[in-house]
Amino acid sequence: MAIDIDMDTNIDMDTDGVARAYGRWAPVYDAIFGPVFRQGRQAAVQVADRIGGRILEVGVGTGLSLPSYARSSRIVGIDISEPMLEKARARARQLSNVEAILVGDAEKLDFETESFDVVVAQYVVTAIPNPERALNEFIRVVRPGGEIILTTRIGAERGLRGAIEGLLMPITSRLGWRTEFSWERYEKWLAASPSVTLREKRAWPPLGHFYLVRIARLATPTSA
């Protein structure tokens, strides 16, 4: 399993604050973010369906991805925001392959160990107050040989974009996400987690700031 490591977290972000922020986004989320993130969502679903089985989508939001999953895959969706989930449940009622849509905290998943074949988290990691705790939970609930599939924004580590992202953090944290989140955080977590390996990191629109990241849970952990 993944090892707990000490990483800097943003004190301006907390679970209740994120839930409130996305509750405010719920009425307009599909119109604003649906078209922008469509390609990334479709790519994540396609990879998840290739593995198949039981899939946990963390941060399912309004359920935009739910109709895209293969009917042979079984989907459980969780999100921290009840207003977002009201829309997801309406979508799920039209689908036969959705097991449940539940309120849930990515940092404290209420599921048995190794109970899923795939964990999908789309544009979620940078919205979690303690991302490494959530990544540890994703690994806990996925079976050996299964995968975590992320679509995630990766911030700049330096330069003008990095400076701008740092300046925007006080604003974007109140809106429900980080602008300042470098690949180095993922690298440190991966290095400290002997049960996982990076399988793919692929840049994705818009603007080349977003990536599809696949992390596999190894059947036999490597030596730390």
C-alpha atoms as a PDB file:
ATOM      1  CA  MET A   1       0.000   0.000   0.000  1.00  0.00           C
ATOM      2  CA  ALA A   2       0.971   3.630  -0.366  1.00  0.00           C
ATOM      3  CA  ILE A   3       3.082   5.239   2.326  1.00  0.00           C
ATOM      4  CA  ASP A   4       1.947   8.381   4.097  1.00  0.00           C
ATOM      5  CA  ILE A   5       4.348  11.198   3.279  1.00  0.00           C
ATOM      6  CA  ASP A   6       4.540  14.765   4.486  1.00  0.00           C
ATOM      7  CA  MET A   7       3.518  17.160   1.739  1.00  0.00           C
ATOM      8  CA  ASP A   8       2.610  20.830   1.911  1.00  0.00           C
ATOM      9  CA  THR A   9      -1.143  21.465   1.844  1.00  0.00           C
ATOM     10  CA  ASN A  10      -3.002  24.688   1.327  1.00  0.00           C
ATOM     11  CA  ILE A  11      -4.574  25.858   4.575  1.00  0.00           C
ATOM     12  CA  ASP A  12      -7.196  27.841   2.631  1.00  0.00           C
ATOM     13  CA  MET A  13      -8.783  24.614   1.347  1.00  0.00           C
ATOM     14  CA  ASP A  14     -10.957  22.391   3.515  1.00  0.00           C
ATOM     15  CA  THR A  15     -13.560  19.757   2.724  1.00  0.00           C
ATOM     16  CA  ASP A  16     -16.570  21.819   3.786  1.00  0.00           C
ATOM     17  CA  GLY A  17     -15.339  24.811   1.792  1.00  0.00           C
ATOM     18  CA  VAL A  18     -14.852  22.708  -1.331  1.00  0.00           C
ATOM     19  CA  ALA A  19     -18.337  21.210  -0.919  1.00  0.00           C
ATOM     20  CA  ARG A  20     -19.865  24.686  -0.639  1.00  0.00           C
ATOM     21  CA  ALA A  21     -17.924  25.916  -3.669  1.00  0.00           C
ATOM     22  CA  TYR A  22     -19.147  23.091  -5.892  1.00  0.00           C
ATOM     23  CA  GLY A  23     -22.655  23.472  -4.544  1.00  0.00           C
ATOM     24  CA  ARG A  24     -22.553  26.986  -5.986  1.00  0.00           C
ATOM     25  CA  TRP A  25     -21.176  25.676  -9.293  1.00  0.00           C
ATOM     26  CA  ALA A  26     -23.871  22.981  -9.633  1.00  0.00           C
ATOM     27  CA  PRO A  27     -26.507  25.011 -11.566  1.00  0.00           C
ATOM     28  CA  VAL A  28     -24.023  26.082 -14.267  1.00  0.00           C
ATOM     29  CA  TYR A  29     -21.327  23.385 -14.098  1.00  0.00           C
ATOM     30  CA  ASP A  30     -22.420  21.442 -17.198  1.00  0.00           C
ATOM     31  CA  ALA A  31     -22.639  24.537 -19.374  1.00  0.00           C
ATOM     32  CA  ILE A  32     -19.286  25.990 -18.291  1.00  0.00           C
ATOM     33  CA  PHE A  33     -17.095  22.922 -17.802  1.00  0.00           C
ATOM     34  CA  GLY A  34     -18.833  20.278 -19.908  1.00  0.00           C
ATOM     35  CA  PRO A  35     -17.479  21.338 -23.324  1.00  0.00           C
ATOM     36  CA  VAL A  36     -14.022  22.338 -22.003  1.00  0.00           C
ATOM     37  CA  PHE A  37     -13.287  18.968 -20.390  1.00  0.00           C
ATOM     38  CA  ARG A  38     -15.182  16.690 -22.791  1.00  0.00           C
ATOM     39  CA  GLN A  39     -12.117  15.215 -24.531  1.00  0.00           C
ATOM     40  CA  GLY A  40     -10.382  14.412 -21.257  1.00  0.00           C
ATOM     41  CA  ARG A  41     -13.504  12.781 -19.832  1.00  0.00           C
ATOM     42  CA  GLN A  42     -13.956  10.614 -22.904  1.00  0.00           C
ATOM     43  CA  ALA A  43     -10.311   9.513 -22.827  1.00  0.00           C
ATOM     44  CA  ALA A  44     -10.524   8.532 -19.153  1.00  0.00           C
ATOM     45  CA  VAL A  45     -13.738   6.562 -19.702  1.00  0.00           C
ATOM     46  CA  GLN A  46     -12.267   4.710 -22.682  1.00  0.00           C
ATOM     47  CA  VAL A  47      -9.235   3.610 -20.671  1.00  0.00           C
ATOM     48  CA  ALA A  48     -11.414   2.587 -17.725  1.00  0.00           C
ATOM     49  CA  ASP A  49     -13.709   0.550 -19.963  1.00  0.00           C
ATOM     50  CA  ARG A  50     -10.743  -1.326 -21.451  1.00  0.00           C
ATOM     51  CA  ILE A  51     -10.048  -2.623 -17.936  1.00  0.00           C
ATOM     52  CA  GLY A  52     -13.740  -2.932 -17.147  1.00  0.00           C
ATOM     53  CA  GLY A  53     -15.345  -4.518 -14.133  1.00  0.00           C
ATOM     54  CA  ARG A  54     -16.369  -2.406 -11.157  1.00  0.00           C
ATOM     55  CA  ILE A  55     -15.379   1.259 -11.501  1.00  0.00           C
ATOM     56  CA  LEU A  56     -15.393   3.930  -8.810  1.00  0.00           C
ATOM     57  CA  GLU A  57     -15.632   7.480 -10.137  1.00  0.00           C
ATOM     58  CA  VAL A  58     -14.460   9.879  -7.439  1.00  0.00           C
ATOM     59  CA  GLY A  59     -15.761  13.397  -7.944  1.00  0.00           C
ATOM     60  CA  VAL A  60     -18.546  12.235 -10.238  1.00  0.00           C
ATOM     61  CA  GLY A  61     -20.051  15.716 -10.014  1.00  0.00           C
ATOM     62  CA  THR A  62     -23.189  16.112 -12.112  1.00  0.00           C
ATOM     63  CA  GLY A  63     -22.551  12.737 -13.753  1.00  0.00           C
ATOM     64  CA  LEU A  64     -21.415  14.045 -17.120  1.00  0.00           C
ATOM     65  CA  SER A  65     -19.326  10.914 -17.731  1.00  0.00           C
ATOM     66  CA  LEU A  66     -21.918   8.352 -16.673  1.00  0.00           C
ATOM     67  CA  PRO A  67     -23.643   7.839 -20.055  1.00  0.00           C
ATOM     68  CA  SER A  68     -20.276   7.265 -21.749  1.00  0.00           C
ATOM     69  CA  TYR A  69     -19.282   4.133 -19.824  1.00  0.00           C
ATOM     70  CA  ALA A  70     -19.799   0.758 -21.478  1.00  0.00           C
ATOM     71  CA  ARG A  71     -22.902  -1.042 -20.259  1.00  0.00           C
ATOM     72  CA  SER A  72     -20.664  -3.958 -19.272  1.00  0.00           C
ATOM     73  CA  SER A  73     -18.877  -1.766 -16.683  1.00  0.00           C
ATOM     74  CA  ARG A  74     -20.478  -1.284 -13.253  1.00  0.00           C
ATOM     75  CA  ILE A  75     -20.201   2.251 -11.920  1.00  0.00           C
ATOM     76  CA  VAL A  76     -20.255   3.706  -8.422  1.00  0.00           C
ATOM     77  CA  GLY A  77     -19.998   7.497  -8.232  1.00  0.00           C
ATOM     78  CA  ILE A  78     -19.205   9.672  -5.228  1.00  0.00           C
ATOM     79  CA  ASP A  79     -18.893  13.394  -4.717  1.00  0.00           C
ATOM     80  CA  ILE A  80     -18.591  15.797  -1.784  1.00  0.00           C
ATOM     81  CA  SER A  81     -21.354  18.097  -3.104  1.00  0.00           C
ATOM     82  CA  GLU A  82     -24.991  17.089  -2.681  1.00  0.00           C
ATOM     83  CA  PRO A  83     -26.285  19.680  -5.196  1.00  0.00           C
ATOM     84  CA  MET A  84     -23.949  18.230  -7.842  1.00  0.00           C
ATOM     85  CA  LEU A  85     -25.120  14.715  -7.004  1.00  0.00           C
ATOM     86  CA  GLU A  86     -28.784  15.614  -7.520  1.00  0.00           C
ATOM     87  CA  LYS A  87     -27.998  16.029 -11.207  1.00  0.00           C
ATOM     88  CA  ALA A  88     -25.867  12.861 -11.270  1.00  0.00           C
ATOM     89  CA  ARG A  89     -28.715  10.827  -9.798  1.00  0.00           C
ATOM     90  CA  ALA A  90     -31.092  12.130 -12.464  1.00  0.00           C
ATOM     91  CA  ARG A  91     -28.661  10.905 -15.138  1.00  0.00           C
ATOM     92  CA  ALA A  92     -28.107   7.589 -13.373  1.00  0.00           C
ATOM     93  CA  ARG A  93     -31.839   6.794 -13.341  1.00  0.00           C
ATOM     94  CA  GLN A  94     -31.618   6.371 -17.123  1.00  0.00           C
ATOM     95  CA  LEU A  95     -28.695   3.922 -16.906  1.00  0.00           C
ATOM     96  CA  SER A  96     -28.701   0.255 -15.963  1.00  0.00           C
ATOM     97  CA  ASN A  97     -25.001  -0.024 -15.121  1.00  0.00           C
ATOM     98  CA  VAL A  98     -24.815   2.534 -12.271  1.00  0.00           C
ATOM     99  CA  GLU A  99     -24.789   0.774  -8.903  1.00  0.00           C
ATOM    100  CA  ALA A 100     -24.922   3.841  -6.674  1.00  0.00           C
ATOM    101  CA  ILE A 101     -24.398   7.596  -6.496  1.00  0.00           C
ATOM    102  CA  LEU A 102     -23.273   8.590  -3.010  1.00  0.00           C
ATOM    103  CA  VAL A 103     -21.988  11.496  -0.961  1.00  0.00           C
ATOM    104  CA  GLY A 104     -18.384  10.697  -0.130  1.00  0.00           C
ATOM    105  CA  ASP A 105     -15.044  12.192   0.843  1.00  0.00           C
ATOM    106  CA  ALA A 106     -12.094  11.254  -1.395  1.00  0.00           C
ATOM    107  CA  GLU A 107      -9.769  11.329   1.629  1.00  0.00           C
ATOM    108  CA  LYS A 108     -11.895   8.798   3.561  1.00  0.00           C
ATOM    109  CA  LEU A 109     -13.505   6.389   1.130  1.00  0.00           C
ATOM    110  CA  ASP A 110     -16.257   4.293   2.681  1.00  0.00           C
ATOM    111  CA  PHE A 111     -15.474   1.142   0.704  1.00  0.00           C
ATOM    112  CA  GLU A 112     -13.763  -2.152   1.413  1.00  0.00           C
ATOM    113  CA  THR A 113     -10.113  -2.616   0.478  1.00  0.00           C
ATOM    114  CA  GLU A 114      -9.582  -3.940  -3.075  1.00  0.00           C
ATOM    115  CA  SER A 115     -13.276  -3.589  -3.933  1.00  0.00           C
ATOM    116  CA  PHE A 116     -12.852  -1.930  -7.368  1.00  0.00           C
ATOM    117  CA  ASP A 117     -11.084  -2.771 -10.619  1.00  0.00           C
ATOM    118  CA  VAL A 118     -10.583   0.893 -11.534  1.00  0.00           C
ATOM    119  CA  VAL A 119     -10.718   4.257  -9.774  1.00  0.00           C
ATOM    120  CA  VAL A 120     -11.401   7.243 -12.028  1.00  0.00           C
ATOM    121  CA  ALA A 121     -10.864  10.798 -10.752  1.00  0.00           C
ATOM    122  CA  GLN A 122     -11.462  13.504 -13.338  1.00  0.00           C
ATOM    123  CA  TYR A 123     -10.258  17.029 -12.571  1.00  0.00           C
ATOM    124  CA  VAL A 124     -10.495  16.144  -8.872  1.00  0.00           C
ATOM    125  CA  VAL A 125      -7.022  15.807  -7.340  1.00  0.00           C
ATOM    126  CA  THR A 126      -6.294  19.536  -7.336  1.00  0.00           C
ATOM    127  CA  ALA A 127      -9.656  20.188  -5.638  1.00  0.00           C
ATOM    128  CA  ILE A 128      -8.925  17.924  -2.651  1.00  0.00           C
ATOM    129  CA  PRO A 129      -7.534  19.570   0.506  1.00  0.00           C
ATOM    130  CA  ASN A 130      -5.042  16.700   1.118  1.00  0.00           C
ATOM    131  CA  PRO A 131      -4.413  15.097  -2.287  1.00  0.00           C
ATOM    132  CA  GLU A 132      -1.874  12.500  -1.130  1.00  0.00           C
ATOM    133  CA  ARG A 133      -4.362  11.095   1.387  1.00  0.00           C
ATOM    134  CA  ALA A 134      -6.871  10.706  -1.406  1.00  0.00           C
ATOM    135  CA  LEU A 135      -4.334   9.000  -3.689  1.00  0.00           C
ATOM    136  CA  ASN A 136      -3.563   6.571  -0.876  1.00  0.00           C
ATOM    137  CA  GLU A 137      -7.284   5.831  -0.570  1.00  0.00           C
ATOM    138  CA  PHE A 138      -7.594   5.269  -4.320  1.00  0.00           C
ATOM    139  CA  ILE A 139      -4.833   2.678  -4.137  1.00  0.00           C
ATOM    140  CA  ARG A 140      -6.394   1.037  -1.079  1.00  0.00           C
ATOM    141  CA  VAL A 141      -9.748   0.395  -2.743  1.00  0.00           C
ATOM    142  CA  VAL A 142      -8.431  -0.748  -6.149  1.00  0.00           C
ATOM    143  CA  ARG A 143      -7.445  -4.393  -6.605  1.00  0.00           C
ATOM    144  CA  PRO A 144      -3.869  -5.487  -7.381  1.00  0.00           C
ATOM    145  CA  GLY A 145      -3.490  -5.210 -11.140  1.00  0.00           C
ATOM    146  CA  GLY A 146      -6.144  -2.498 -11.302  1.00  0.00           C
ATOM    147  CA  GLU A 147      -5.584   1.154 -12.161  1.00  0.00           C
ATOM    148  CA  ILE A 148      -6.159   4.700 -11.016  1.00  0.00           C
ATOM    149  CA  ILE A 149      -7.042   6.906 -13.985  1.00  0.00           C
ATOM    150  CA  LEU A 150      -6.711  10.641 -13.465  1.00  0.00           C
ATOM    151  CA  THR A 151      -7.405  13.630 -15.617  1.00  0.00           C
ATOM    152  CA  THR A 152      -5.608  16.410 -13.843  1.00  0.00           C
ATOM    153  CA  ARG A 153      -4.273  19.891 -14.257  1.00  0.00           C
ATOM    154  CA  ILE A 154      -0.523  20.097 -13.677  1.00  0.00           C
ATOM    155  CA  GLY A 155       0.881  23.473 -12.735  1.00  0.00           C
ATOM    156  CA  ALA A 156       4.162  24.988 -13.816  1.00  0.00           C
ATOM    157  CA  GLU A 157       7.122  24.546 -11.483  1.00  0.00           C
ATOM    158  CA  ARG A 158       8.775  27.817 -12.438  1.00  0.00           C
ATOM    159  CA  GLY A 159       8.637  30.734 -14.864  1.00  0.00           C
ATOM    160  CA  LEU A 160       5.894  33.236 -15.560  1.00  0.00           C
ATOM    161  CA  ARG A 161       3.075  30.691 -15.534  1.00  0.00           C
ATOM    162  CA  GLY A 162       4.249  29.336 -12.203  1.00  0.00           C
ATOM    163  CA  ALA A 163       4.309  32.846 -10.733  1.00  0.00           C
ATOM    164  CA  ILE A 164       0.822  33.602 -12.029  1.00  0.00           C
ATOM    165  CA  GLU A 165      -0.535  30.319 -10.673  1.00  0.00           C
ATOM    166  CA  GLY A 166       0.858  31.145  -7.254  1.00  0.00           C
ATOM    167  CA  LEU A 167      -0.749  34.576  -7.304  1.00  0.00           C
ATOM    168  CA  LEU A 168      -4.108  33.102  -8.313  1.00  0.00           C
ATOM    169  CA  MET A 169      -4.181  30.527  -5.501  1.00  0.00           C
ATOM    170  CA  PRO A 170      -6.065  32.713  -2.975  1.00  0.00           C
ATOM    171  CA  ILE A 171      -8.824  33.165  -5.557  1.00  0.00           C
ATOM    172  CA  THR A 172      -9.014  29.676  -7.066  1.00  0.00           C
ATOM    173  CA  SER A 173      -8.913  27.935  -3.667  1.00  0.00           C
ATOM    174  CA  ARG A 174     -12.151  29.735  -2.807  1.00  0.00           C
ATOM    175  CA  LEU A 175     -13.624  28.614  -6.134  1.00  0.00           C
ATOM    176  CA  GLY A 176     -12.805  25.006  -5.261  1.00  0.00           C
ATOM    177  CA  TRP A 177      -9.459  24.122  -6.880  1.00  0.00           C
ATOM    178  CA  ARG A 178      -5.718  24.803  -6.950  1.00  0.00           C
ATOM    179  CA  THR A 179      -3.837  26.451  -9.761  1.00  0.00           C
ATOM    180  CA  GLU A 180      -0.492  25.707  -8.070  1.00  0.00           C
ATOM    181  CA  PHE A 181       0.071  21.925  -8.260  1.00  0.00           C
ATOM    182  CA  SER A 182       3.253  20.691  -9.899  1.00  0.00           C
ATOM    183  CA  TRP A 183       4.092  17.235 -11.246  1.00  0.00           C
ATOM    184  CA  GLU A 184       6.708  17.018  -8.487  1.00  0.00           C
ATOM    185  CA  ARG A 185       3.935  16.266  -5.983  1.00  0.00           C
ATOM    186  CA  TYR A 186       2.890  13.220  -7.989  1.00  0.00           C
ATOM    187  CA  GLU A 187       6.521  12.146  -8.359  1.00  0.00           C
ATOM    188  CA  LYS A 188       7.123  12.305  -4.614  1.00  0.00           C
ATOM    189  CA  TRP A 189       3.984  10.316  -3.912  1.00  0.00           C
ATOM    190  CA  LEU A 190       4.881   7.696  -6.518  1.00  0.00           C
ATOM    191  CA  ALA A 191       8.420   7.385  -5.146  1.00  0.00           C
ATOM    192  CA  ALA A 192       7.084   6.781  -1.637  1.00  0.00           C
ATOM    193  CA  SER A 193       4.481   4.232  -2.760  1.00  0.00           C
ATOM    194  CA  PRO A 194       6.028   0.810  -3.483  1.00  0.00           C
ATOM    195  CA  SER A 195       2.700  -0.722  -4.507  1.00  0.00           C
ATOM    196  CA  VAL A 196       2.210   1.505  -7.573  1.00  0.00           C
ATOM    197  CA  THR A 197       3.797   2.331 -10.897  1.00  0.00           C
ATOM    198  CA  LEU A 198       3.187   5.110 -13.411  1.00  0.00           C
ATOM    199  CA  ARG A 199       1.804   3.569 -16.591  1.00  0.00           C
ATOM    200  CA  GLU A 200       1.066   6.650 -18.687  1.00  0.00           C
ATOM    201  CA  LYS A 201       1.245  10.461 -18.594  1.00  0.00           C
ATOM    202  CA  ARG A 202      -0.320  12.083 -21.651  1.00  0.00           C
ATOM    203  CA  ALA A 203      -0.882  15.806 -22.260  1.00  0.00           C
ATOM    204  CA  TRP A 204      -4.443  16.764 -23.057  1.00  0.00           C
ATOM    205  CA  PRO A 205      -6.323  19.913 -24.156  1.00  0.00           C
ATOM    206  CA  PRO A 206      -7.054  22.626 -23.265  1.00  0.00           C
ATOM    207  CA  LEU A 207      -3.774  24.554 -23.434  1.00  0.00           C
ATOM    208  CA  GLY A 208      -1.548  21.561 -22.667  1.00  0.00           C
ATOM    209  CA  HIS A 209      -1.957  22.162 -18.922  1.00  0.00           C
ATOM    210  CA  PHE A 210      -4.037  19.007 -18.433  1.00  0.00           C
ATOM    211  CA  TYR A 211      -2.930  15.374 -18.449  1.00  0.00           C
ATOM    212  CA  LEU A 212      -4.310  11.874 -18.506  1.00  0.00           C
ATOM    213  CA  VAL A 213      -2.372   9.938 -15.861  1.00  0.00           C
ATOM    214  CA  ARG A 214      -2.615   6.169 -15.372  1.00  0.00           C
ATOM    215  CA  ILE A 215      -1.246   4.622 -12.189  1.00  0.00           C
ATOM    216  CA  ALA A 216      -1.346   0.851 -11.751  1.00  0.00           C
ATOM    217  CA  ARG A 217      -1.442  -0.990  -8.460  1.00  0.00           C
ATOM    218  CA  LEU A 218       1.165  -3.717  -8.637  1.00  0.00           C
ATOM    219  CA  ALA A 219       0.281  -7.312  -7.855  1.00  0.00           C
ATOM    220  CA  THR A 220       3.611  -7.573  -6.017  1.00  0.00           C
ATOM    221  CA  PRO A 221       4.879  -4.342  -4.389  1.00  0.00           C
ATOM    222  CA  THR A 222       8.456  -3.318  -5.117  1.00  0.00           C
ATOM    223  CA  SER A 223      10.971  -2.764  -2.348  1.00  0.00           C
ATOM    224  CA  ALA A 224      10.734   0.707  -0.790  1.00  0.00           C
END
